[in-house]
Structures are given as C-alpha cells and as structure tokens.
Amino acid sequence: MVANNIDFGMFTYAGECAVYGIVVAAEVLADKGMSEDDQIQFVLASLERLAKQPDYEEATDTAVREAVFEALGFFK
C-alpha cells in the first residue's frame, strides 16, 4: 500500500500504487548491487512500459519521473 504522504503525480490511486511498485523494485535492485546508471535506466524503461497501459499515460510525465527519482534519493 502506498503511504498517504507519497505523491508521484499519477492521476489515480492505482497509478500511484503502480509507480510505487517501480520505486520498490528499483530500491531492491540497488540493494543487490545495481549501479545508479542501471537503476535510472530500469526506472525509465519501467515508466515507459507503464505509460503504454490504458489509464497510465502520465507515467512518463516529467513530474512523475522527478517524483520517482526524488523518492529514490537522486535529488539530494
């Protein structure tokens, strides 16, 4: 479940949950040794795939990408 204070800029709760899943997966991969560059590529590719699904077109919006990268700690 997505915490109430997390906002990735998706239009629906289901979209927020889907993006949160991408964030969690990226964190797990980072914990397993994935480089930051590969982690970024994973996130971008995952958001692209999500955006191709009906009702999730906004997944590649700049605001969504920035929120994801902020959640992953890339903007310190």
PDB file of N, CA and C in Angstrom:
ATOM      1  N   MET A   1       0.838  -1.182   0.000  1.00  0.00           N
ATOM      2  CA  MET A   1       0.000   0.000   0.000  1.00  0.00           C
ATOM      3  C   MET A   1       0.882   1.243   0.000  1.00  0.00           C
ATOM      4  N   VAL A   2       0.510   2.217  -0.786  1.00  0.00           N
ATOM      5  CA  VAL A   2       1.260   3.460  -0.876  1.00  0.00           C
ATOM      6  C   VAL A   2       0.938   4.324   0.330  1.00  0.00           C
ATOM      7  N   ALA A   3       1.966   4.866   0.947  1.00  0.00           N
ATOM      8  CA  ALA A   3       1.761   5.753   2.092  1.00  0.00           C
ATOM      9  C   ALA A   3       1.020   7.008   1.657  1.00  0.00           C
ATOM     10  N   ASN A   4       0.230   7.551   2.563  1.00  0.00           N
ATOM     11  CA  ASN A   4      -0.573   8.731   2.248  1.00  0.00           C
ATOM     12  C   ASN A   4       0.244   9.943   1.829  1.00  0.00           C
ATOM     13  N   ASN A   5       1.459  10.046   2.301  1.00  0.00           N
ATOM     14  CA  ASN A   5       2.257  11.241   2.016  1.00  0.00           C
ATOM     15  C   ASN A   5       3.083  11.123   0.730  1.00  0.00           C
ATOM     16  N   ILE A   6       3.004  10.010   0.029  1.00  0.00           N
ATOM     17  CA  ILE A   6       3.744   9.852  -1.217  1.00  0.00           C
ATOM     18  C   ILE A   6       2.851  10.269  -2.374  1.00  0.00           C
ATOM     19  N   ASP A   7       3.365  11.164  -3.207  1.00  0.00           N
ATOM     20  CA  ASP A   7       2.608  11.619  -4.379  1.00  0.00           C
ATOM     21  C   ASP A   7       3.549  11.608  -5.570  1.00  0.00           C
ATOM     22  N   PHE A   8       3.296  10.686  -6.487  1.00  0.00           N
ATOM     23  CA  PHE A   8       4.124  10.579  -7.680  1.00  0.00           C
ATOM     24  C   PHE A   8       3.547  11.348  -8.858  1.00  0.00           C
ATOM     25  N   GLY A   9       2.393  11.981  -8.673  1.00  0.00           N
ATOM     26  CA  GLY A   9       1.802  12.766  -9.747  1.00  0.00           C
ATOM     27  C   GLY A   9       0.932  11.972 -10.700  1.00  0.00           C
ATOM     28  N   MET A  10       0.612  10.741 -10.316  1.00  0.00           N
ATOM     29  CA  MET A  10      -0.284   9.942 -11.149  1.00  0.00           C
ATOM     30  C   MET A  10      -1.721  10.405 -10.896  1.00  0.00           C
ATOM     31  N   PHE A  11      -2.600  10.144 -11.838  1.00  0.00           N
ATOM     32  CA  PHE A  11      -3.963  10.655 -11.761  1.00  0.00           C
ATOM     33  C   PHE A  11      -4.883   9.803 -10.894  1.00  0.00           C
ATOM     34  N   THR A  12      -4.487   8.560 -10.605  1.00  0.00           N
ATOM     35  CA  THR A  12      -5.333   7.670  -9.822  1.00  0.00           C
ATOM     36  C   THR A  12      -4.517   6.996  -8.726  1.00  0.00           C
ATOM     37  N   TYR A  13      -5.228   6.468  -7.746  1.00  0.00           N
ATOM     38  CA  TYR A  13      -4.574   5.715  -6.682  1.00  0.00           C
ATOM     39  C   TYR A  13      -3.895   4.472  -7.263  1.00  0.00           C
ATOM     40  N   ALA A  14      -4.562   3.823  -8.210  1.00  0.00           N
ATOM     41  CA  ALA A  14      -3.966   2.646  -8.852  1.00  0.00           C
ATOM     42  C   ALA A  14      -2.652   3.021  -9.543  1.00  0.00           C
ATOM     43  N   GLY A  15      -2.613   4.181 -10.177  1.00  0.00           N
ATOM     44  CA  GLY A  15      -1.391   4.658 -10.811  1.00  0.00           C
ATOM     45  C   GLY A  15      -0.297   4.922  -9.799  1.00  0.00           C
ATOM     46  N   GLU A  16      -0.675   5.531  -8.676  1.00  0.00           N
ATOM     47  CA  GLU A  16       0.293   5.782  -7.603  1.00  0.00           C
ATOM     48  C   GLU A  16       0.884   4.464  -7.112  1.00  0.00           C
ATOM     49  N   CYS A  17       0.029   3.460  -6.934  1.00  0.00           N
ATOM     50  CA  CYS A  17       0.498   2.145  -6.479  1.00  0.00           C
ATOM     51  C   CYS A  17       1.432   1.496  -7.496  1.00  0.00           C
ATOM     52  N   ALA A  18       1.108   1.624  -8.770  1.00  0.00           N
ATOM     53  CA  ALA A  18       1.949   1.044  -9.816  1.00  0.00           C
ATOM     54  C   ALA A  18       3.338   1.686  -9.815  1.00  0.00           C
ATOM     55  N   VAL A  19       3.379   2.996  -9.694  1.00  0.00           N
ATOM     56  CA  VAL A  19       4.674   3.700  -9.671  1.00  0.00           C
ATOM     57  C   VAL A  19       5.430   3.363  -8.391  1.00  0.00           C
ATOM     58  N   TYR A  20       4.722   3.265  -7.290  1.00  0.00           N
ATOM     59  CA  TYR A  20       5.367   2.873  -6.034  1.00  0.00           C
ATOM     60  C   TYR A  20       6.034   1.503  -6.180  1.00  0.00           C
ATOM     61  N   GLY A  21       5.385   0.605  -6.892  1.00  0.00           N
ATOM     62  CA  GLY A  21       5.980  -0.713  -7.146  1.00  0.00           C
ATOM     63  C   GLY A  21       7.290  -0.612  -7.911  1.00  0.00           C
ATOM     64  N   ILE A  22       7.349   0.314  -8.853  1.00  0.00           N
ATOM     65  CA  ILE A  22       8.586   0.538  -9.608  1.00  0.00           C
ATOM     66  C   ILE A  22       9.678   1.051  -8.678  1.00  0.00           C
ATOM     67  N   VAL A  23       9.318   1.956  -7.792  1.00  0.00           N
ATOM     68  CA  VAL A  23      10.282   2.514  -6.839  1.00  0.00           C
ATOM     69  C   VAL A  23      10.827   1.412  -5.932  1.00  0.00           C
ATOM     70  N   VAL A  24       9.945   0.583  -5.413  1.00  0.00           N
ATOM     71  CA  VAL A  24      10.377  -0.509  -4.536  1.00  0.00           C
ATOM     72  C   VAL A  24      11.290  -1.465  -5.289  1.00  0.00           C
ATOM     73  N   ALA A  25      10.926  -1.804  -6.513  1.00  0.00           N
ATOM     74  CA  ALA A  25      11.768  -2.708  -7.315  1.00  0.00           C
ATOM     75  C   ALA A  25      13.144  -2.094  -7.550  1.00  0.00           C
ATOM     76  N   ALA A  26      13.189  -0.806  -7.840  1.00  0.00           N
ATOM     77  CA  ALA A  26      14.472  -0.136  -8.058  1.00  0.00           C
ATOM     78  C   ALA A  26      15.316  -0.136  -6.788  1.00  0.00           C
ATOM     79  N   GLU A  27      14.676   0.038  -5.644  1.00  0.00           N
ATOM     80  CA  GLU A  27      15.409   0.007  -4.374  1.00  0.00           C
ATOM     81  C   GLU A  27      15.983  -1.386  -4.115  1.00  0.00           C
ATOM     82  N   VAL A  28      15.209  -2.407  -4.402  1.00  0.00           N
ATOM     83  CA  VAL A  28      15.687  -3.787  -4.216  1.00  0.00           C
ATOM     84  C   VAL A  28      16.875  -4.058  -5.126  1.00  0.00           C
ATOM     85  N   LEU A  29      16.769  -3.637  -6.372  1.00  0.00           N
ATOM     86  CA  LEU A  29      17.874  -3.838  -7.310  1.00  0.00           C
ATOM     87  C   LEU A  29      19.126  -3.085  -6.866  1.00  0.00           C
ATOM     88  N   ALA A  30      18.944  -1.891  -6.339  1.00  0.00           N
ATOM     89  CA  ALA A  30      20.088  -1.127  -5.831  1.00  0.00           C
ATOM     90  C   ALA A  30      20.729  -1.858  -4.652  1.00  0.00           C
ATOM     91  N   ASP A  31      19.893  -2.406  -3.778  1.00  0.00           N
ATOM     92  CA  ASP A  31      20.417  -3.161  -2.632  1.00  0.00           C
ATOM     93  C   ASP A  31      21.189  -4.403  -3.078  1.00  0.00           C
ATOM     94  N   LYS A  32      20.842  -4.917  -4.248  1.00  0.00           N
ATOM     95  CA  LYS A  32      21.532  -6.103  -4.770  1.00  0.00           C
ATOM     96  C   LYS A  32      22.754  -5.737  -5.602  1.00  0.00           C
ATOM     97  N   GLY A  33      23.081  -4.433  -5.646  1.00  0.00           N
ATOM     98  CA  GLY A  33      24.310  -4.016  -6.308  1.00  0.00           C
ATOM     99  C   GLY A  33      24.152  -3.360  -7.659  1.00  0.00           C
ATOM    100  N   MET A  34      22.933  -3.111  -8.108  1.00  0.00           N
ATOM    101  CA  MET A  34      22.751  -2.450  -9.400  1.00  0.00           C
ATOM    102  C   MET A  34      23.342  -1.036  -9.339  1.00  0.00           C
ATOM    103  N   SER A  35      24.065  -0.659 -10.369  1.00  0.00           N
ATOM    104  CA  SER A  35      24.659   0.677 -10.408  1.00  0.00           C
ATOM    105  C   SER A  35      23.562   1.736 -10.523  1.00  0.00           C
ATOM    106  N   GLU A  36      23.887   2.957 -10.157  1.00  0.00           N
ATOM    107  CA  GLU A  36      22.925   4.050 -10.237  1.00  0.00           C
ATOM    108  C   GLU A  36      22.478   4.279 -11.679  1.00  0.00           C
ATOM    109  N   ASP A  37      23.400   4.212 -12.627  1.00  0.00           N
ATOM    110  CA  ASP A  37      23.044   4.388 -14.041  1.00  0.00           C
ATOM    111  C   ASP A  37      22.062   3.311 -14.503  1.00  0.00           C
ATOM    112  N   ASP A  38      22.317   2.065 -14.116  1.00  0.00           N
ATOM    113  CA  ASP A  38      21.407   0.983 -14.488  1.00  0.00           C
ATOM    114  C   ASP A  38      20.064   1.123 -13.783  1.00  0.00           C
ATOM    115  N   GLN A  39      20.092   1.610 -12.562  1.00  0.00           N
ATOM    116  CA  GLN A  39      18.858   1.835 -11.820  1.00  0.00           C
ATOM    117  C   GLN A  39      18.009   2.897 -12.528  1.00  0.00           C
ATOM    118  N   ILE A  40      18.636   3.955 -12.981  1.00  0.00           N
ATOM    119  CA  ILE A  40      17.919   5.004 -13.713  1.00  0.00           C
ATOM    120  C   ILE A  40      17.312   4.436 -14.987  1.00  0.00           C
ATOM    121  N   GLN A  41      18.079   3.641 -15.718  1.00  0.00           N
ATOM    122  CA  GLN A  41      17.559   3.029 -16.948  1.00  0.00           C
ATOM    123  C   GLN A  41      16.404   2.085 -16.660  1.00  0.00           C
ATOM    124  N   PHE A  42      16.498   1.336 -15.576  1.00  0.00           N
ATOM    125  CA  PHE A  42      15.410   0.449 -15.176  1.00  0.00           C
ATOM    126  C   PHE A  42      14.135   1.247 -14.904  1.00  0.00           C
ATOM    127  N   VAL A  43      14.261   2.320 -14.149  1.00  0.00           N
ATOM    128  CA  VAL A  43      13.098   3.148 -13.806  1.00  0.00           C
ATOM    129  C   VAL A  43      12.483   3.749 -15.066  1.00  0.00           C
ATOM    130  N   LEU A  44      13.296   4.326 -15.928  1.00  0.00           N
ATOM    131  CA  LEU A  44      12.771   4.946 -17.143  1.00  0.00           C
ATOM    132  C   LEU A  44      12.067   3.922 -18.030  1.00  0.00           C
ATOM    133  N   ALA A  45      12.664   2.748 -18.188  1.00  0.00           N
ATOM    134  CA  ALA A  45      12.043   1.699 -19.008  1.00  0.00           C
ATOM    135  C   ALA A  45      10.738   1.225 -18.370  1.00  0.00           C
ATOM    136  N   SER A  46      10.719   1.095 -17.063  1.00  0.00           N
ATOM    137  CA  SER A  46       9.507   0.650 -16.367  1.00  0.00           C
ATOM    138  C   SER A  46       8.393   1.675 -16.496  1.00  0.00           C
ATOM    139  N   LEU A  47       8.725   2.949 -16.388  1.00  0.00           N
ATOM    140  CA  LEU A  47       7.714   4.008 -16.553  1.00  0.00           C
ATOM    141  C   LEU A  47       7.199   4.040 -17.988  1.00  0.00           C
ATOM    142  N   GLU A  48       8.077   3.798 -18.951  1.00  0.00           N
ATOM    143  CA  GLU A  48       7.655   3.736 -20.356  1.00  0.00           C
ATOM    144  C   GLU A  48       6.651   2.607 -20.566  1.00  0.00           C
ATOM    145  N   ARG A  49       6.957   1.427 -20.010  1.00  0.00           N
ATOM    146  CA  ARG A  49       6.037   0.287 -20.134  1.00  0.00           C
ATOM    147  C   ARG A  49       4.699   0.596 -19.469  1.00  0.00           C
ATOM    148  N   LEU A  50       4.745   1.206 -18.303  1.00  0.00           N
ATOM    149  CA  LEU A  50       3.511   1.547 -17.597  1.00  0.00           C
ATOM    150  C   LEU A  50       2.684   2.535 -18.399  1.00  0.00           C
ATOM    151  N   ALA A  51       3.348   3.513 -19.016  1.00  0.00           N
ATOM    152  CA  ALA A  51       2.641   4.548 -19.774  1.00  0.00           C
ATOM    153  C   ALA A  51       1.907   3.983 -20.987  1.00  0.00           C
ATOM    154  N   LYS A  52       2.291   2.818 -21.437  1.00  0.00           N
ATOM    155  CA  LYS A  52       1.619   2.192 -22.581  1.00  0.00           C
ATOM    156  C   LYS A  52       0.317   1.498 -22.175  1.00  0.00           C
ATOM    157  N   GLN A  53       0.097   1.365 -20.878  1.00  0.00           N
ATOM    158  CA  GLN A  53      -1.122   0.742 -20.374  1.00  0.00           C
ATOM    159  C   GLN A  53      -2.253   1.770 -20.338  1.00  0.00           C
ATOM    160  N   PRO A  54      -3.478   1.343 -20.612  1.00  0.00           N
ATOM    161  CA  PRO A  54      -4.612   2.272 -20.542  1.00  0.00           C
ATOM    162  C   PRO A  54      -4.700   2.907 -19.152  1.00  0.00           C
ATOM    163  N   ASP A  55      -4.983   4.177 -19.129  1.00  0.00           N
ATOM    164  CA  ASP A  55      -5.181   4.959 -17.898  1.00  0.00           C
ATOM    165  C   ASP A  55      -3.897   5.308 -17.157  1.00  0.00           C
ATOM    166  N   TYR A  56      -2.740   4.998 -17.700  1.00  0.00           N
ATOM    167  CA  TYR A  56      -1.476   5.324 -17.036  1.00  0.00           C
ATOM    168  C   TYR A  56      -0.544   6.137 -17.930  1.00  0.00           C
ATOM    169  N   GLU A  57      -1.091   6.808 -18.927  1.00  0.00           N
ATOM    170  CA  GLU A  57      -0.279   7.543 -19.901  1.00  0.00           C
ATOM    171  C   GLU A  57       0.627   8.588 -19.258  1.00  0.00           C
ATOM    172  N   GLU A  58       0.235   9.105 -18.104  1.00  0.00           N
ATOM    173  CA  GLU A  58       1.011  10.157 -17.445  1.00  0.00           C
ATOM    174  C   GLU A  58       2.282   9.640 -16.782  1.00  0.00           C
ATOM    175  N   ALA A  59       2.521   8.341 -16.816  1.00  0.00           N
ATOM    176  CA  ALA A  59       3.680   7.757 -16.138  1.00  0.00           C
ATOM    177  C   ALA A  59       5.006   8.316 -16.649  1.00  0.00           C
ATOM    178  N   THR A  60       5.037   8.837 -17.857  1.00  0.00           N
ATOM    179  CA  THR A  60       6.288   9.399 -18.384  1.00  0.00           C
ATOM    180  C   THR A  60       6.328  10.921 -18.280  1.00  0.00           C
ATOM    181  N   ASP A  61       5.341  11.520 -17.618  1.00  0.00           N
ATOM    182  CA  ASP A  61       5.373  12.970 -17.417  1.00  0.00           C
ATOM    183  C   ASP A  61       6.596  13.345 -16.584  1.00  0.00           C
ATOM    184  N   THR A  62       7.122  14.507 -16.836  1.00  0.00           N
ATOM    185  CA  THR A  62       8.298  14.984 -16.101  1.00  0.00           C
ATOM    186  C   THR A  62       8.052  14.972 -14.601  1.00  0.00           C
ATOM    187  N   ALA A  63       6.886  15.401 -14.159  1.00  0.00           N
ATOM    188  CA  ALA A  63       6.585  15.457 -12.724  1.00  0.00           C
ATOM    189  C   ALA A  63       6.649  14.070 -12.091  1.00  0.00           C
ATOM    190  N   VAL A  64       6.172  13.066 -12.799  1.00  0.00           N
ATOM    191  CA  VAL A  64       6.207  11.693 -12.276  1.00  0.00           C
ATOM    192  C   VAL A  64       7.650  11.207 -12.200  1.00  0.00           C
ATOM    193  N   ARG A  65       8.396  11.405 -13.275  1.00  0.00           N
ATOM    194  CA  ARG A  65       9.810  10.968 -13.262  1.00  0.00           C
ATOM    195  C   ARG A  65      10.581  11.647 -12.144  1.00  0.00           C
ATOM    196  N   GLU A  66      10.391  12.947 -11.979  1.00  0.00           N
ATOM    197  CA  GLU A  66      11.107  13.674 -10.926  1.00  0.00           C
ATOM    198  C   GLU A  66      10.711  13.168  -9.542  1.00  0.00           C
ATOM    199  N   ALA A  67       9.427  12.888  -9.331  1.00  0.00           N
ATOM    200  CA  ALA A  67       8.976  12.383  -8.030  1.00  0.00           C
ATOM    201  C   ALA A  67       9.595  11.019  -7.736  1.00  0.00           C
ATOM    202  N   VAL A  68       9.696  10.179  -8.760  1.00  0.00           N
ATOM    203  CA  VAL A  68      10.301   8.857  -8.575  1.00  0.00           C
ATOM    204  C   VAL A  68      11.777   9.000  -8.221  1.00  0.00           C
ATOM    205  N   PHE A  69      12.489   9.816  -8.947  1.00  0.00           N
ATOM    206  CA  PHE A  69      13.915   9.970  -8.685  1.00  0.00           C
ATOM    207  C   PHE A  69      14.166  10.643  -7.336  1.00  0.00           C
ATOM    208  N   GLU A  70      13.274  11.528  -6.938  1.00  0.00           N
ATOM    209  CA  GLU A  70      13.390  12.121  -5.599  1.00  0.00           C
ATOM    210  C   GLU A  70      13.161  11.057  -4.534  1.00  0.00           C
ATOM    211  N   ALA A  71      12.155  10.205  -4.723  1.00  0.00           N
ATOM    212  CA  ALA A  71      11.882   9.139  -3.765  1.00  0.00           C
ATOM    213  C   ALA A  71      13.067   8.180  -3.651  1.00  0.00           C
ATOM    214  N   LEU A  72      13.796   8.003  -4.738  1.00  0.00           N
ATOM    215  CA  LEU A  72      14.964   7.120  -4.735  1.00  0.00           C
ATOM    216  C   LEU A  72      16.216   7.809  -4.227  1.00  0.00           C
ATOM    217  N   GLY A  73      16.117   9.086  -3.916  1.00  0.00           N
ATOM    218  CA  GLY A  73      17.245   9.812  -3.327  1.00  0.00           C
ATOM    219  C   GLY A  73      18.235  10.356  -4.326  1.00  0.00           C
ATOM    220  N   PHE A  74      17.844  10.484  -5.605  1.00  0.00           N
ATOM    221  CA  PHE A  74      18.763  11.014  -6.599  1.00  0.00           C
ATOM    222  C   PHE A  74      18.892  12.534  -6.537  1.00  0.00           C
ATOM    223  N   PHE A  75      17.936  13.204  -5.905  1.00  0.00           N
ATOM    224  CA  PHE A  75      17.995  14.666  -5.743  1.00  0.00           C
ATOM    225  C   PHE A  75      18.283  14.946  -4.271  1.00  0.00           C
ATOM    226  N   LYS A  76      19.532  15.080  -3.943  1.00  0.00           N
ATOM    227  CA  LYS A  76      19.913  15.302  -2.545  1.00  0.00           C
ATOM    228  C   LYS A  76      20.312  16.728  -2.330  1.00  0.00           C
TER     229      LYS A  76
END
